[in-house]
Amino acid sequence: MYPRMGFDDVAARMRARHEGEPEPSRPPAFAGSDPSTDELVRQLQRDEKRSKAKADLVMGSLLLAGGLLISMLTHDSASQSGGTYIVAWGPMLYGVIRLIRGLMGIGG
């Protein structure tokens, strides 16, 4: 694992900041970590990005399909019995935006 900072380490850093002195040097948390750990972190980040992109694709598809369905059903009802119909452009537009965002996330 990586080294944890104790109370004395935190106190020394706070004292150095307050007095304007340079902070005590300490290696970064993952300094000297093996390449497999770095690759694991990159893989986890890629997996998270893909997961979010897939969620955007699913939600975008559902919103677009729902908006189209509402528009088609109300148009069909209005054309048979007269009256007005609804064009659900809000869910359709947001669905297209989510689809594009999902496609960009998968490709990127």
N, C-alpha and C. Protein backbone atom coordinates (compact mmCIF):
# COMPACT_ATOMS: atom_id res chain seq x y z
N MET A 1 0.83 -1.19 0.00
CA MET A 1 0.00 0.00 0.00
C MET A 1 0.87 1.26 0.00
N TYR A 2 0.29 2.35 0.29
CA TYR A 2 1.03 3.60 0.32
C TYR A 2 1.14 4.08 1.77
N PRO A 3 2.15 4.87 2.07
CA PRO A 3 2.33 5.33 3.46
C PRO A 3 1.25 6.33 3.84
N ARG A 4 0.83 6.24 5.07
CA ARG A 4 -0.18 7.18 5.58
C ARG A 4 0.52 8.29 6.34
N MET A 5 -0.11 9.44 6.34
CA MET A 5 0.45 10.57 7.10
C MET A 5 -0.08 10.50 8.52
N GLY A 6 0.82 10.60 9.45
CA GLY A 6 0.42 10.63 10.85
C GLY A 6 0.17 12.06 11.31
N PHE A 7 -0.20 12.20 12.57
CA PHE A 7 -0.48 13.52 13.12
C PHE A 7 0.75 14.41 13.04
N ASP A 8 1.91 13.85 13.33
CA ASP A 8 3.14 14.65 13.31
C ASP A 8 3.44 15.17 11.90
N ASP A 9 3.18 14.35 10.88
CA ASP A 9 3.40 14.79 9.50
C ASP A 9 2.49 15.95 9.14
N VAL A 10 1.23 15.83 9.52
CA VAL A 10 0.27 16.89 9.23
C VAL A 10 0.64 18.16 9.98
N ALA A 11 1.02 18.01 11.24
CA ALA A 11 1.41 19.18 12.04
C ALA A 11 2.63 19.87 11.44
N ALA A 12 3.61 19.09 10.97
CA ALA A 12 4.81 19.68 10.38
C ALA A 12 4.47 20.45 9.10
N ARG A 13 3.58 19.90 8.28
CA ARG A 13 3.18 20.59 7.05
C ARG A 13 2.42 21.88 7.36
N MET A 14 1.52 21.83 8.34
CA MET A 14 0.76 23.02 8.71
C MET A 14 1.69 24.09 9.28
N ARG A 15 2.65 23.70 10.11
CA ARG A 15 3.59 24.65 10.68
C ARG A 15 4.42 25.29 9.57
N ALA A 16 4.87 24.48 8.61
CA ALA A 16 5.68 25.00 7.52
C ALA A 16 4.88 25.99 6.67
N ARG A 17 3.63 25.69 6.42
CA ARG A 17 2.79 26.62 5.64
C ARG A 17 2.59 27.93 6.39
N HIS A 18 2.33 27.81 7.68
CA HIS A 18 2.06 29.00 8.48
C HIS A 18 3.30 29.89 8.59
N GLU A 19 4.46 29.30 8.70
CA GLU A 19 5.69 30.06 8.87
C GLU A 19 6.35 30.41 7.54
N GLY A 20 5.78 29.96 6.44
CA GLY A 20 6.31 30.30 5.13
C GLY A 20 7.52 29.49 4.73
N GLU A 21 7.81 28.44 5.44
CA GLU A 21 8.94 27.59 5.10
C GLU A 21 8.50 26.57 4.04
N PRO A 22 9.45 26.05 3.30
CA PRO A 22 9.08 24.99 2.36
C PRO A 22 8.59 23.77 3.13
N GLU A 23 7.62 23.10 2.55
CA GLU A 23 7.06 21.92 3.21
C GLU A 23 8.09 20.80 3.23
N PRO A 24 8.04 19.97 4.27
CA PRO A 24 8.94 18.82 4.30
C PRO A 24 8.68 17.93 3.10
N SER A 25 9.75 17.43 2.52
CA SER A 25 9.56 16.60 1.33
C SER A 25 9.08 15.21 1.74
N ARG A 26 8.20 14.68 0.93
CA ARG A 26 7.67 13.35 1.17
C ARG A 26 7.33 12.76 -0.20
N PRO A 27 7.65 11.54 -0.44
CA PRO A 27 7.34 10.97 -1.74
C PRO A 27 5.83 10.90 -1.96
N PRO A 28 5.39 11.05 -3.20
CA PRO A 28 3.96 10.93 -3.48
C PRO A 28 3.45 9.56 -3.07
N ALA A 29 2.15 9.46 -2.90
CA ALA A 29 1.55 8.24 -2.39
C ALA A 29 1.87 7.02 -3.26
N PHE A 30 1.90 7.19 -4.56
CA PHE A 30 2.14 6.05 -5.44
C PHE A 30 3.52 6.09 -6.08
N ALA A 31 4.44 6.83 -5.50
CA ALA A 31 5.77 6.90 -6.08
C ALA A 31 6.42 5.53 -6.01
N GLY A 32 7.02 5.14 -7.09
CA GLY A 32 7.70 3.85 -7.12
C GLY A 32 6.77 2.66 -7.22
N SER A 33 5.49 2.91 -7.49
CA SER A 33 4.57 1.78 -7.61
C SER A 33 4.90 1.00 -8.87
N ASP A 34 4.57 -0.26 -8.85
CA ASP A 34 4.91 -1.08 -10.00
C ASP A 34 3.97 -0.77 -11.17
N PRO A 35 4.40 -1.03 -12.38
CA PRO A 35 3.60 -0.71 -13.57
C PRO A 35 2.26 -1.41 -13.59
N SER A 36 2.17 -2.59 -12.98
CA SER A 36 0.89 -3.30 -13.00
C SER A 36 -0.17 -2.54 -12.23
N THR A 37 0.21 -1.82 -11.17
CA THR A 37 -0.75 -1.02 -10.43
C THR A 37 -1.24 0.15 -11.27
N ASP A 38 -0.32 0.81 -11.96
CA ASP A 38 -0.71 1.92 -12.83
C ASP A 38 -1.63 1.43 -13.94
N GLU A 39 -1.33 0.27 -14.51
CA GLU A 39 -2.17 -0.28 -15.57
C GLU A 39 -3.54 -0.65 -15.03
N LEU A 40 -3.59 -1.15 -13.82
CA LEU A 40 -4.87 -1.49 -13.19
C LEU A 40 -5.73 -0.24 -13.00
N VAL A 41 -5.11 0.85 -12.57
CA VAL A 41 -5.85 2.11 -12.39
C VAL A 41 -6.38 2.60 -13.74
N ARG A 42 -5.54 2.55 -14.77
CA ARG A 42 -6.00 2.97 -16.10
C ARG A 42 -7.14 2.09 -16.61
N GLN A 43 -7.05 0.79 -16.36
CA GLN A 43 -8.10 -0.13 -16.79
C GLN A 43 -9.41 0.16 -16.05
N LEU A 44 -9.33 0.44 -14.76
CA LEU A 44 -10.53 0.78 -14.00
C LEU A 44 -11.16 2.07 -14.51
N GLN A 45 -10.33 3.05 -14.86
CA GLN A 45 -10.86 4.30 -15.39
C GLN A 45 -11.53 4.07 -16.74
N ARG A 46 -10.92 3.24 -17.60
CA ARG A 46 -11.54 2.92 -18.89
C ARG A 46 -12.87 2.20 -18.71
N ASP A 47 -12.90 1.26 -17.77
CA ASP A 47 -14.14 0.52 -17.52
C ASP A 47 -15.25 1.43 -17.02
N GLU A 48 -14.89 2.38 -16.15
CA GLU A 48 -15.88 3.31 -15.63
C GLU A 48 -16.42 4.21 -16.75
N LYS A 49 -15.53 4.66 -17.63
CA LYS A 49 -15.94 5.50 -18.75
C LYS A 49 -16.87 4.74 -19.69
N ARG A 50 -16.53 3.49 -19.98
CA ARG A 50 -17.39 2.67 -20.84
C ARG A 50 -18.74 2.42 -20.19
N SER A 51 -18.75 2.19 -18.90
CA SER A 51 -20.00 1.95 -18.19
C SER A 51 -20.92 3.18 -18.26
N LYS A 52 -20.34 4.36 -18.07
CA LYS A 52 -21.14 5.58 -18.17
C LYS A 52 -21.64 5.79 -19.61
N ALA A 53 -20.80 5.46 -20.58
CA ALA A 53 -21.20 5.62 -21.98
C ALA A 53 -22.34 4.68 -22.32
N LYS A 54 -22.27 3.45 -21.83
CA LYS A 54 -23.36 2.49 -22.08
C LYS A 54 -24.65 2.94 -21.43
N ALA A 55 -24.56 3.50 -20.23
CA ALA A 55 -25.75 4.01 -19.55
C ALA A 55 -26.35 5.17 -20.35
N ASP A 56 -25.51 6.03 -20.91
CA ASP A 56 -26.00 7.12 -21.75
C ASP A 56 -26.70 6.58 -22.99
N LEU A 57 -26.13 5.55 -23.60
CA LEU A 57 -26.74 4.96 -24.79
C LEU A 57 -28.11 4.36 -24.47
N VAL A 58 -28.21 3.65 -23.37
CA VAL A 58 -29.49 3.03 -23.00
C VAL A 58 -30.52 4.09 -22.69
N MET A 59 -30.15 5.06 -21.85
CA MET A 59 -31.10 6.11 -21.47
C MET A 59 -31.49 6.96 -22.68
N GLY A 60 -30.54 7.29 -23.52
CA GLY A 60 -30.85 8.06 -24.72
C GLY A 60 -31.79 7.32 -25.64
N SER A 61 -31.58 6.03 -25.81
CA SER A 61 -32.46 5.24 -26.66
C SER A 61 -33.88 5.18 -26.09
N LEU A 62 -33.97 4.99 -24.77
CA LEU A 62 -35.30 4.94 -24.15
C LEU A 62 -36.04 6.27 -24.26
N LEU A 63 -35.34 7.36 -24.03
CA LEU A 63 -35.98 8.67 -24.14
C LEU A 63 -36.42 8.97 -25.57
N LEU A 64 -35.55 8.67 -26.52
CA LEU A 64 -35.90 8.91 -27.92
C LEU A 64 -37.09 8.06 -28.34
N ALA A 65 -37.07 6.78 -27.98
CA ALA A 65 -38.17 5.88 -28.33
C ALA A 65 -39.46 6.30 -27.63
N GLY A 66 -39.36 6.69 -26.36
CA GLY A 66 -40.55 7.13 -25.63
C GLY A 66 -41.16 8.39 -26.23
N GLY A 67 -40.32 9.35 -26.58
CA GLY A 67 -40.83 10.58 -27.21
C GLY A 67 -41.48 10.30 -28.55
N LEU A 68 -40.85 9.43 -29.34
CA LEU A 68 -41.45 9.06 -30.62
C LEU A 68 -42.77 8.32 -30.43
N LEU A 69 -42.83 7.42 -29.46
CA LEU A 69 -44.05 6.65 -29.21
C LEU A 69 -45.19 7.57 -28.78
N ILE A 70 -44.92 8.48 -27.86
CA ILE A 70 -45.96 9.43 -27.43
C ILE A 70 -46.45 10.25 -28.61
N SER A 71 -45.51 10.74 -29.41
CA SER A 71 -45.89 11.56 -30.57
C SER A 71 -46.73 10.76 -31.56
N MET A 72 -46.32 9.53 -31.85
CA MET A 72 -47.06 8.72 -32.82
C MET A 72 -48.44 8.32 -32.30
N LEU A 73 -48.53 7.94 -31.02
CA LEU A 73 -49.83 7.53 -30.47
C LEU A 73 -50.81 8.69 -30.41
N THR A 74 -50.35 9.85 -29.97
CA THR A 74 -51.28 10.99 -29.89
C THR A 74 -51.64 11.49 -31.29
N HIS A 75 -50.73 11.39 -32.25
CA HIS A 75 -51.04 11.79 -33.61
C HIS A 75 -52.07 10.83 -34.22
N ASP A 76 -51.90 9.56 -33.98
CA ASP A 76 -52.84 8.58 -34.50
C ASP A 76 -54.23 8.80 -33.91
N SER A 77 -54.28 9.05 -32.60
CA SER A 77 -55.56 9.29 -31.94
C SER A 77 -56.23 10.56 -32.48
N ALA A 78 -55.44 11.60 -32.67
CA ALA A 78 -55.99 12.87 -33.16
C ALA A 78 -56.44 12.74 -34.61
N SER A 79 -55.75 11.94 -35.41
CA SER A 79 -56.14 11.81 -36.81
C SER A 79 -57.42 10.99 -36.96
N GLN A 80 -57.68 10.09 -36.03
CA GLN A 80 -58.90 9.28 -36.12
C GLN A 80 -60.12 10.01 -35.57
N SER A 81 -59.97 10.69 -34.44
CA SER A 81 -61.13 11.32 -33.81
C SER A 81 -61.07 12.84 -33.83
N GLY A 82 -60.06 13.39 -34.44
CA GLY A 82 -59.92 14.84 -34.46
C GLY A 82 -59.29 15.35 -33.17
N GLY A 83 -58.91 16.58 -33.17
CA GLY A 83 -58.32 17.16 -31.97
C GLY A 83 -56.85 17.47 -32.16
N THR A 84 -56.19 17.59 -31.05
CA THR A 84 -54.78 17.95 -31.07
C THR A 84 -53.93 16.75 -30.69
N TYR A 85 -52.67 16.86 -30.99
CA TYR A 85 -51.73 15.81 -30.61
C TYR A 85 -50.47 16.44 -30.05
N ILE A 86 -49.67 15.61 -29.42
CA ILE A 86 -48.46 16.07 -28.74
C ILE A 86 -47.24 15.61 -29.53
N VAL A 87 -46.34 16.54 -29.77
CA VAL A 87 -45.02 16.17 -30.30
C VAL A 87 -44.06 16.30 -29.11
N ALA A 88 -43.65 15.16 -28.59
CA ALA A 88 -42.81 15.14 -27.39
C ALA A 88 -41.36 15.37 -27.80
N TRP A 89 -41.05 16.60 -28.19
CA TRP A 89 -39.72 16.89 -28.71
C TRP A 89 -38.68 17.00 -27.59
N GLY A 90 -39.10 17.30 -26.37
CA GLY A 90 -38.17 17.41 -25.25
C GLY A 90 -37.44 16.09 -24.97
N PRO A 91 -38.21 15.00 -24.71
CA PRO A 91 -37.53 13.72 -24.49
C PRO A 91 -36.73 13.24 -25.70
N MET A 92 -37.23 13.53 -26.88
CA MET A 92 -36.50 13.11 -28.09
C MET A 92 -35.17 13.85 -28.21
N LEU A 93 -35.19 15.16 -27.99
CA LEU A 93 -33.97 15.95 -28.08
C LEU A 93 -32.95 15.53 -27.02
N TYR A 94 -33.43 15.37 -25.79
CA TYR A 94 -32.52 14.95 -24.72
C TYR A 94 -32.00 13.53 -24.98
N GLY A 95 -32.85 12.68 -25.55
CA GLY A 95 -32.41 11.33 -25.90
C GLY A 95 -31.31 11.35 -26.94
N VAL A 96 -31.43 12.21 -27.94
CA VAL A 96 -30.39 12.32 -28.96
C VAL A 96 -29.08 12.83 -28.34
N ILE A 97 -29.20 13.80 -27.44
CA ILE A 97 -28.01 14.32 -26.76
C ILE A 97 -27.31 13.22 -25.97
N ARG A 98 -28.09 12.42 -25.24
CA ARG A 98 -27.51 11.33 -24.45
C ARG A 98 -26.89 10.27 -25.38
N LEU A 99 -27.54 10.00 -26.51
CA LEU A 99 -26.98 9.04 -27.46
C LEU A 99 -25.64 9.52 -28.00
N ILE A 100 -25.55 10.78 -28.37
CA ILE A 100 -24.30 11.33 -28.88
C ILE A 100 -23.22 11.29 -27.81
N ARG A 101 -23.60 11.66 -26.59
CA ARG A 101 -22.64 11.62 -25.48
C ARG A 101 -22.14 10.19 -25.24
N GLY A 102 -23.05 9.23 -25.32
CA GLY A 102 -22.67 7.84 -25.14
C GLY A 102 -21.76 7.34 -26.25
N LEU A 103 -22.07 7.72 -27.48
CA LEU A 103 -21.22 7.31 -28.60
C LEU A 103 -19.83 7.93 -28.52
N MET A 104 -19.76 9.17 -28.08
CA MET A 104 -18.46 9.82 -27.93
C MET A 104 -17.66 9.19 -26.79
N GLY A 105 -18.35 8.75 -25.74
CA GLY A 105 -17.68 8.11 -24.62
C GLY A 105 -17.12 6.75 -24.96
N ILE A 106 -17.81 6.02 -25.81
CA ILE A 106 -17.34 4.70 -26.20
C ILE A 106 -16.19 4.82 -27.18
N GLY A 107 -16.31 5.74 -28.11
CA GLY A 107 -15.25 5.89 -29.11
C GLY A 107 -13.99 6.53 -28.56
N GLY A 108 -14.11 7.32 -27.48
CA GLY A 108 -12.97 8.07 -26.98
C GLY A 108 -12.08 7.37 -26.07
